[in-house]
């Protein structure tokens, strides 16, 4: 069973392209796009379990240079 989530990402001013490129290279990130609105980027992340998904978000995405905040919404359907 795999688990997927949308991760809404805020980053430091004028660093979105750099952050987008770094996050796109993380294993488990299926897609990342720059968007308008209250967040700068939205990523779709997949893991084999909630633990794996959490590791990708907390240990890799949140640790990415210039990321200031994330909100994760698990996809239920």
PDB file of N, CA and C in Angstrom:
ATOM      1  N   UNK A   1       0.851  -1.184   0.000  1.00  0.00           N
ATOM      2  CA  UNK A   1       0.000   0.000   0.000  1.00  0.00           C
ATOM      3  C   UNK A   1       0.886   1.233   0.000  1.00  0.00           C
ATOM      4  N   UNK A   2       0.630   2.141  -0.909  1.00  0.00           N
ATOM      5  CA  UNK A   2       1.386   3.387  -0.900  1.00  0.00           C
ATOM      6  C   UNK A   2       0.503   4.513  -0.374  1.00  0.00           C
ATOM      7  N   UNK A   3       1.155   5.522   0.157  1.00  0.00           N
ATOM      8  CA  UNK A   3       0.480   6.685   0.714  1.00  0.00           C
ATOM      9  C   UNK A   3       0.954   7.899  -0.075  1.00  0.00           C
ATOM     10  N   UNK A   4       0.016   8.752  -0.475  1.00  0.00           N
ATOM     11  CA  UNK A   4       0.357   9.966  -1.207  1.00  0.00           C
ATOM     12  C   UNK A   4      -0.134  11.188  -0.438  1.00  0.00           C
ATOM     13  N   UNK A   5       0.537  12.311  -0.662  1.00  0.00           N
ATOM     14  CA  UNK A   5       0.129  13.548  -0.010  1.00  0.00           C
ATOM     15  C   UNK A   5       0.502  14.743  -0.881  1.00  0.00           C
ATOM     16  N   UNK A   6      -0.272  15.808  -0.696  1.00  0.00           N
ATOM     17  CA  UNK A   6       0.098  17.108  -1.237  1.00  0.00           C
ATOM     18  C   UNK A   6       0.888  17.819  -0.155  1.00  0.00           C
ATOM     19  N   UNK A   7       2.021  18.388  -0.524  1.00  0.00           N
ATOM     20  CA  UNK A   7       2.812  19.158   0.421  1.00  0.00           C
ATOM     21  C   UNK A   7       2.872  20.591  -0.096  1.00  0.00           C
ATOM     22  N   UNK A   8       2.311  21.506   0.684  1.00  0.00           N
ATOM     23  CA  UNK A   8       2.293  22.922   0.351  1.00  0.00           C
ATOM     24  C   UNK A   8       3.523  23.554   0.995  1.00  0.00           C
ATOM     25  N   UNK A   9       4.311  24.262   0.209  1.00  0.00           N
ATOM     26  CA  UNK A   9       5.633  24.700   0.655  1.00  0.00           C
ATOM     27  C   UNK A   9       5.781  26.209   0.506  1.00  0.00           C
ATOM     28  N   UNK A  10       6.246  26.850   1.585  1.00  0.00           N
ATOM     29  CA  UNK A  10       6.645  28.257   1.531  1.00  0.00           C
ATOM     30  C   UNK A  10       8.161  28.301   1.536  1.00  0.00           C
ATOM     31  N   UNK A  11       8.725  29.233   0.779  1.00  0.00           N
ATOM     32  CA  UNK A  11      10.177  29.374   0.775  1.00  0.00           C
ATOM     33  C   UNK A  11      10.559  30.854   0.834  1.00  0.00           C
ATOM     34  N   UNK A  12      11.837  31.089   1.111  1.00  0.00           N
ATOM     35  CA  UNK A  12      12.324  32.468   1.216  1.00  0.00           C
ATOM     36  C   UNK A  12      12.156  33.191  -0.112  1.00  0.00           C
ATOM     37  N   UNK A  13      11.982  34.489  -0.019  1.00  0.00           N
ATOM     38  CA  UNK A  13      11.765  35.352  -1.175  1.00  0.00           C
ATOM     39  C   UNK A  13      12.840  35.132  -2.249  1.00  0.00           C
ATOM     40  N   UNK A  14      12.401  34.992  -3.469  1.00  0.00           N
ATOM     41  CA  UNK A  14      13.256  34.871  -4.656  1.00  0.00           C
ATOM     42  C   UNK A  14      14.069  33.571  -4.698  1.00  0.00           C
ATOM     43  N   UNK A  15      13.671  32.558  -3.951  1.00  0.00           N
ATOM     44  CA  UNK A  15      14.402  31.293  -3.928  1.00  0.00           C
ATOM     45  C   UNK A  15      13.560  30.116  -4.433  1.00  0.00           C
ATOM     46  N   UNK A  16      12.372  30.386  -4.969  1.00  0.00           N
ATOM     47  CA  UNK A  16      11.441  29.322  -5.359  1.00  0.00           C
ATOM     48  C   UNK A  16      12.012  28.393  -6.415  1.00  0.00           C
ATOM     49  N   UNK A  17      12.644  28.932  -7.426  1.00  0.00           N
ATOM     50  CA  UNK A  17      13.170  28.072  -8.497  1.00  0.00           C
ATOM     51  C   UNK A  17      14.253  27.128  -7.967  1.00  0.00           C
ATOM     52  N   UNK A  18      15.117  27.666  -7.124  1.00  0.00           N
ATOM     53  CA  UNK A  18      16.170  26.838  -6.534  1.00  0.00           C
ATOM     54  C   UNK A  18      15.574  25.735  -5.651  1.00  0.00           C
ATOM     55  N   UNK A  19      14.590  26.104  -4.831  1.00  0.00           N
ATOM     56  CA  UNK A  19      13.939  25.130  -3.958  1.00  0.00           C
ATOM     57  C   UNK A  19      13.202  24.085  -4.799  1.00  0.00           C
ATOM     58  N   UNK A  20      12.512  24.522  -5.839  1.00  0.00           N
ATOM     59  CA  UNK A  20      11.792  23.591  -6.715  1.00  0.00           C
ATOM     60  C   UNK A  20      12.749  22.555  -7.306  1.00  0.00           C
ATOM     61  N   UNK A  21      13.903  22.988  -7.774  1.00  0.00           N
ATOM     62  CA  UNK A  21      14.879  22.072  -8.364  1.00  0.00           C
ATOM     63  C   UNK A  21      15.408  21.086  -7.330  1.00  0.00           C
ATOM     64  N   UNK A  22      15.677  21.558  -6.119  1.00  0.00           N
ATOM     65  CA  UNK A  22      16.200  20.679  -5.070  1.00  0.00           C
ATOM     66  C   UNK A  22      15.163  19.631  -4.652  1.00  0.00           C
ATOM     67  N   UNK A  23      13.913  20.084  -4.484  1.00  0.00           N
ATOM     68  CA  UNK A  23      12.857  19.170  -4.042  1.00  0.00           C
ATOM     69  C   UNK A  23      12.535  18.138  -5.118  1.00  0.00           C
ATOM     70  N   UNK A  24      12.592  18.533  -6.382  1.00  0.00           N
ATOM     71  CA  UNK A  24      12.312  17.604  -7.483  1.00  0.00           C
ATOM     72  C   UNK A  24      13.276  16.427  -7.492  1.00  0.00           C
ATOM     73  N   UNK A  25      14.445  16.576  -6.910  1.00  0.00           N
ATOM     74  CA  UNK A  25      15.462  15.520  -6.901  1.00  0.00           C
ATOM     75  C   UNK A  25      15.323  14.557  -5.724  1.00  0.00           C
ATOM     76  N   UNK A  26      14.408  14.836  -4.793  1.00  0.00           N
ATOM     77  CA  UNK A  26      14.233  13.998  -3.607  1.00  0.00           C
ATOM     78  C   UNK A  26      13.449  12.737  -3.970  1.00  0.00           C
ATOM     79  N   UNK A  27      13.968  11.586  -3.557  1.00  0.00           N
ATOM     80  CA  UNK A  27      13.261  10.319  -3.781  1.00  0.00           C
ATOM     81  C   UNK A  27      11.923  10.359  -3.058  1.00  0.00           C
ATOM     82  N   UNK A  28      10.862   9.979  -3.753  1.00  0.00           N
ATOM     83  CA  UNK A  28       9.520   9.997  -3.186  1.00  0.00           C
ATOM     84  C   UNK A  28       8.704  11.189  -3.652  1.00  0.00           C
ATOM     85  N   UNK A  29       9.352  12.194  -4.214  1.00  0.00           N
ATOM     86  CA  UNK A  29       8.634  13.359  -4.750  1.00  0.00           C
ATOM     87  C   UNK A  29       8.270  13.030  -6.190  1.00  0.00           C
ATOM     88  N   UNK A  30       6.961  12.917  -6.447  1.00  0.00           N
ATOM     89  CA  UNK A  30       6.481  12.571  -7.785  1.00  0.00           C
ATOM     90  C   UNK A  30       6.428  13.792  -8.694  1.00  0.00           C
ATOM     91  N   UNK A  31       6.119  14.956  -8.097  1.00  0.00           N
ATOM     92  CA  UNK A  31       5.985  16.169  -8.882  1.00  0.00           C
ATOM     93  C   UNK A  31       6.068  17.362  -7.941  1.00  0.00           C
ATOM     94  N   UNK A  32       6.642  18.449  -8.414  1.00  0.00           N
ATOM     95  CA  UNK A  32       6.638  19.705  -7.662  1.00  0.00           C
ATOM     96  C   UNK A  32       6.444  20.835  -8.667  1.00  0.00           C
ATOM     97  N   UNK A  33       5.546  21.757  -8.335  1.00  0.00           N
ATOM     98  CA  UNK A  33       5.223  22.866  -9.233  1.00  0.00           C
ATOM     99  C   UNK A  33       5.182  24.176  -8.458  1.00  0.00           C
ATOM    100  N   UNK A  34       5.628  25.242  -9.105  1.00  0.00           N
ATOM    101  CA  UNK A  34       5.515  26.579  -8.553  1.00  0.00           C
ATOM    102  C   UNK A  34       4.084  27.065  -8.806  1.00  0.00           C
ATOM    103  N   UNK A  35       3.477  27.682  -7.780  1.00  0.00           N
ATOM    104  CA  UNK A  35       2.081  28.099  -7.879  1.00  0.00           C
ATOM    105  C   UNK A  35       1.903  29.519  -7.344  1.00  0.00           C
ATOM    106  N   UNK A  36       0.743  30.085  -7.634  1.00  0.00           N
ATOM    107  CA  UNK A  36       0.377  31.371  -7.043  1.00  0.00           C
ATOM    108  C   UNK A  36      -0.471  31.100  -5.808  1.00  0.00           C
ATOM    109  N   UNK A  37      -0.645  32.113  -4.983  1.00  0.00           N
ATOM    110  CA  UNK A  37      -1.463  31.963  -3.788  1.00  0.00           C
ATOM    111  C   UNK A  37      -0.623  32.016  -2.534  1.00  0.00           C
ATOM    112  N   UNK A  38      -1.153  31.485  -1.427  1.00  0.00           N
ATOM    113  CA  UNK A  38      -0.452  31.609  -0.146  1.00  0.00           C
ATOM    114  C   UNK A  38       0.803  30.743  -0.047  1.00  0.00           C
ATOM    115  N   UNK A  39       0.955  29.750  -0.918  1.00  0.00           N
ATOM    116  CA  UNK A  39       2.145  28.908  -0.907  1.00  0.00           C
ATOM    117  C   UNK A  39       2.926  29.122  -2.188  1.00  0.00           C
ATOM    118  N   UNK A  40       4.205  28.814  -2.158  1.00  0.00           N
ATOM    119  CA  UNK A  40       5.068  29.023  -3.314  1.00  0.00           C
ATOM    120  C   UNK A  40       5.162  27.801  -4.212  1.00  0.00           C
ATOM    121  N   UNK A  41       5.134  26.617  -3.595  1.00  0.00           N
ATOM    122  CA  UNK A  41       5.263  25.359  -4.320  1.00  0.00           C
ATOM    123  C   UNK A  41       4.260  24.350  -3.775  1.00  0.00           C
ATOM    124  N   UNK A  42       3.843  23.425  -4.638  1.00  0.00           N
ATOM    125  CA  UNK A  42       3.051  22.275  -4.199  1.00  0.00           C
ATOM    126  C   UNK A  42       3.729  21.034  -4.761  1.00  0.00           C
ATOM    127  N   UNK A  43       3.972  20.064  -3.880  1.00  0.00           N
ATOM    128  CA  UNK A  43       4.584  18.806  -4.297  1.00  0.00           C
ATOM    129  C   UNK A  43       3.612  17.664  -4.050  1.00  0.00           C
ATOM    130  N   UNK A  44       3.683  16.653  -4.885  1.00  0.00           N
ATOM    131  CA  UNK A  44       2.984  15.396  -4.629  1.00  0.00           C
ATOM    132  C   UNK A  44       4.061  14.404  -4.219  1.00  0.00           C
ATOM    133  N   UNK A  45       3.869  13.840  -3.032  1.00  0.00           N
ATOM    134  CA  UNK A  45       4.865  12.952  -2.440  1.00  0.00           C
ATOM    135  C   UNK A  45       4.234  11.579  -2.222  1.00  0.00           C
ATOM    136  N   UNK A  46       5.025  10.533  -2.446  1.00  0.00           N
ATOM    137  CA  UNK A  46       4.533   9.163  -2.278  1.00  0.00           C
ATOM    138  C   UNK A  46       5.513   8.380  -1.408  1.00  0.00           C
ATOM    139  N   UNK A  47       4.961   7.551  -0.531  1.00  0.00           N
ATOM    140  CA  UNK A  47       5.778   6.672   0.295  1.00  0.00           C
ATOM    141  C   UNK A  47       5.093   5.333   0.461  1.00  0.00           C
ATOM    142  N   UNK A  48       5.860   4.336   0.854  1.00  0.00           N
ATOM    143  CA  UNK A  48       5.300   2.994   1.026  1.00  0.00           C
ATOM    144  C   UNK A  48       4.473   2.879   2.302  1.00  0.00           C
ATOM    145  N   UNK A  49       4.622   3.852   3.218  1.00  0.00           N
ATOM    146  CA  UNK A  49       3.878   3.872   4.477  1.00  0.00           C
ATOM    147  C   UNK A  49       3.810   5.311   4.983  1.00  0.00           C
ATOM    148  N   UNK A  50       3.030   5.525   6.032  1.00  0.00           N
ATOM    149  CA  UNK A  50       2.977   6.859   6.634  1.00  0.00           C
ATOM    150  C   UNK A  50       4.347   7.252   7.181  1.00  0.00           C
ATOM    151  N   UNK A  51       5.061   6.281   7.727  1.00  0.00           N
ATOM    152  CA  UNK A  51       6.406   6.538   8.263  1.00  0.00           C
ATOM    153  C   UNK A  51       7.352   7.025   7.155  1.00  0.00           C
ATOM    154  N   UNK A  52       7.345   6.340   6.026  1.00  0.00           N
ATOM    155  CA  UNK A  52       8.197   6.713   4.909  1.00  0.00           C
ATOM    156  C   UNK A  52       7.820   8.089   4.376  1.00  0.00           C
ATOM    157  N   UNK A  53       6.518   8.322   4.240  1.00  0.00           N
ATOM    158  CA  UNK A  53       6.041   9.624   3.782  1.00  0.00           C
ATOM    159  C   UNK A  53       6.487  10.722   4.742  1.00  0.00           C
ATOM    160  N   UNK A  54       6.337  10.492   6.032  1.00  0.00           N
ATOM    161  CA  UNK A  54       6.760  11.461   7.036  1.00  0.00           C
ATOM    162  C   UNK A  54       8.248  11.738   6.975  1.00  0.00           C
ATOM    163  N   UNK A  55       9.040  10.701   6.736  1.00  0.00           N
ATOM    164  CA  UNK A  55      10.485  10.881   6.612  1.00  0.00           C
ATOM    165  C   UNK A  55      10.839  11.780   5.434  1.00  0.00           C
ATOM    166  N   UNK A  56      10.161  11.576   4.306  1.00  0.00           N
ATOM    167  CA  UNK A  56      10.422  12.411   3.130  1.00  0.00           C
ATOM    168  C   UNK A  56      10.096  13.869   3.445  1.00  0.00           C
ATOM    169  N   UNK A  57       8.951  14.099   4.066  1.00  0.00           N
ATOM    170  CA  UNK A  57       8.535  15.474   4.356  1.00  0.00           C
ATOM    171  C   UNK A  57       9.417  16.104   5.429  1.00  0.00           C
ATOM    172  N   UNK A  58       9.582  15.438   6.553  1.00  0.00           N
ATOM    173  CA  UNK A  58      10.281  16.054   7.682  1.00  0.00           C
ATOM    174  C   UNK A  58      11.798  16.033   7.547  1.00  0.00           C
ATOM    175  N   UNK A  59      12.357  14.967   7.034  1.00  0.00           N
ATOM    176  CA  UNK A  59      13.810  14.854   6.977  1.00  0.00           C
ATOM    177  C   UNK A  59      14.419  15.414   5.699  1.00  0.00           C
ATOM    178  N   UNK A  60      13.607  15.502   4.654  1.00  0.00           N
ATOM    179  CA  UNK A  60      14.171  15.947   3.381  1.00  0.00           C
ATOM    180  C   UNK A  60      13.586  17.267   2.896  1.00  0.00           C
ATOM    181  N   UNK A  61      12.254  17.341   2.749  1.00  0.00           N
ATOM    182  CA  UNK A  61      11.661  18.576   2.228  1.00  0.00           C
ATOM    183  C   UNK A  61      11.843  19.719   3.223  1.00  0.00           C
ATOM    184  N   UNK A  62      11.489  19.509   4.491  1.00  0.00           N
ATOM    185  CA  UNK A  62      11.618  20.585   5.476  1.00  0.00           C
ATOM    186  C   UNK A  62      13.071  20.976   5.711  1.00  0.00           C
ATOM    187  N   UNK A  63      13.991  20.070   5.459  1.00  0.00           N
ATOM    188  CA  UNK A  63      15.419  20.349   5.646  1.00  0.00           C
ATOM    189  C   UNK A  63      16.061  21.019   4.424  1.00  0.00           C
ATOM    190  N   UNK A  64      15.288  21.163   3.352  1.00  0.00           N
ATOM    191  CA  UNK A  64      15.824  21.785   2.142  1.00  0.00           C
ATOM    192  C   UNK A  64      16.099  23.258   2.399  1.00  0.00           C
ATOM    193  N   UNK A  65      17.264  23.695   1.968  1.00  0.00           N
ATOM    194  CA  UNK A  65      17.671  25.088   2.141  1.00  0.00           C
ATOM    195  C   UNK A  65      16.608  26.018   1.549  1.00  0.00           C
ATOM    196  N   UNK A  66      16.263  27.056   2.287  1.00  0.00           N
ATOM    197  CA  UNK A  66      15.297  28.112   1.940  1.00  0.00           C
ATOM    198  C   UNK A  66      13.831  27.725   2.131  1.00  0.00           C
ATOM    199  N   UNK A  67      13.522  26.501   2.546  1.00  0.00           N
ATOM    200  CA  UNK A  67      12.143  26.151   2.883  1.00  0.00           C
ATOM    201  C   UNK A  67      11.850  26.720   4.268  1.00  0.00           C
ATOM    202  N   UNK A  68      10.736  27.463   4.382  1.00  0.00           N
ATOM    203  CA  UNK A  68      10.393  28.085   5.663  1.00  0.00           C
ATOM    204  C   UNK A  68       9.196  27.438   6.346  1.00  0.00           C
ATOM    205  N   UNK A  69       8.318  26.778   5.561  1.00  0.00           N
ATOM    206  CA  UNK A  69       7.117  26.183   6.149  1.00  0.00           C
ATOM    207  C   UNK A  69       6.536  25.160   5.188  1.00  0.00           C
ATOM    208  N   UNK A  70       5.968  24.091   5.760  1.00  0.00           N
ATOM    209  CA  UNK A  70       5.232  23.120   4.942  1.00  0.00           C
ATOM    210  C   UNK A  70       3.916  22.770   5.614  1.00  0.00           C
ATOM    211  N   UNK A  71       2.948  22.425   4.808  1.00  0.00           N
ATOM    212  CA  UNK A  71       1.674  21.881   5.257  1.00  0.00           C
ATOM    213  C   UNK A  71       1.449  20.621   4.428  1.00  0.00           C
ATOM    214  N   UNK A  72       1.179  19.502   5.086  1.00  0.00           N
ATOM    215  CA  UNK A  72       1.002  18.231   4.387  1.00  0.00           C
ATOM    216  C   UNK A  72      -0.443  17.777   4.502  1.00  0.00           C
ATOM    217  N   UNK A  73      -1.031  17.449   3.360  1.00  0.00           N
ATOM    218  CA  UNK A  73      -2.393  16.919   3.307  1.00  0.00           C
ATOM    219  C   UNK A  73      -2.340  15.544   2.651  1.00  0.00           C
ATOM    220  N   UNK A  74      -2.630  14.498   3.429  1.00  0.00           N
ATOM    221  CA  UNK A  74      -2.622  13.133   2.907  1.00  0.00           C
ATOM    222  C   UNK A  74      -3.832  12.954   1.980  1.00  0.00           C
ATOM    223  N   UNK A  75      -3.602  12.323   0.850  1.00  0.00           N
ATOM    224  CA  UNK A  75      -4.665  12.065  -0.115  1.00  0.00           C
ATOM    225  C   UNK A  75      -5.433  10.819   0.352  1.00  0.00           C
ATOM    226  N   UNK A  76      -6.748  10.947   0.515  1.00  0.00           N
ATOM    227  CA  UNK A  76      -7.542   9.838   1.027  1.00  0.00           C
ATOM    228  C   UNK A  76      -8.361   9.140  -0.061  1.00  0.00           C
ATOM    229  N   UNK A  77      -8.494   9.739  -1.202  1.00  0.00           N
ATOM    230  CA  UNK A  77      -9.290   9.109  -2.263  1.00  0.00           C
ATOM    231  C   UNK A  77      -8.712   9.428  -3.610  1.00  0.00           C
TER     232      UNK A  77
END
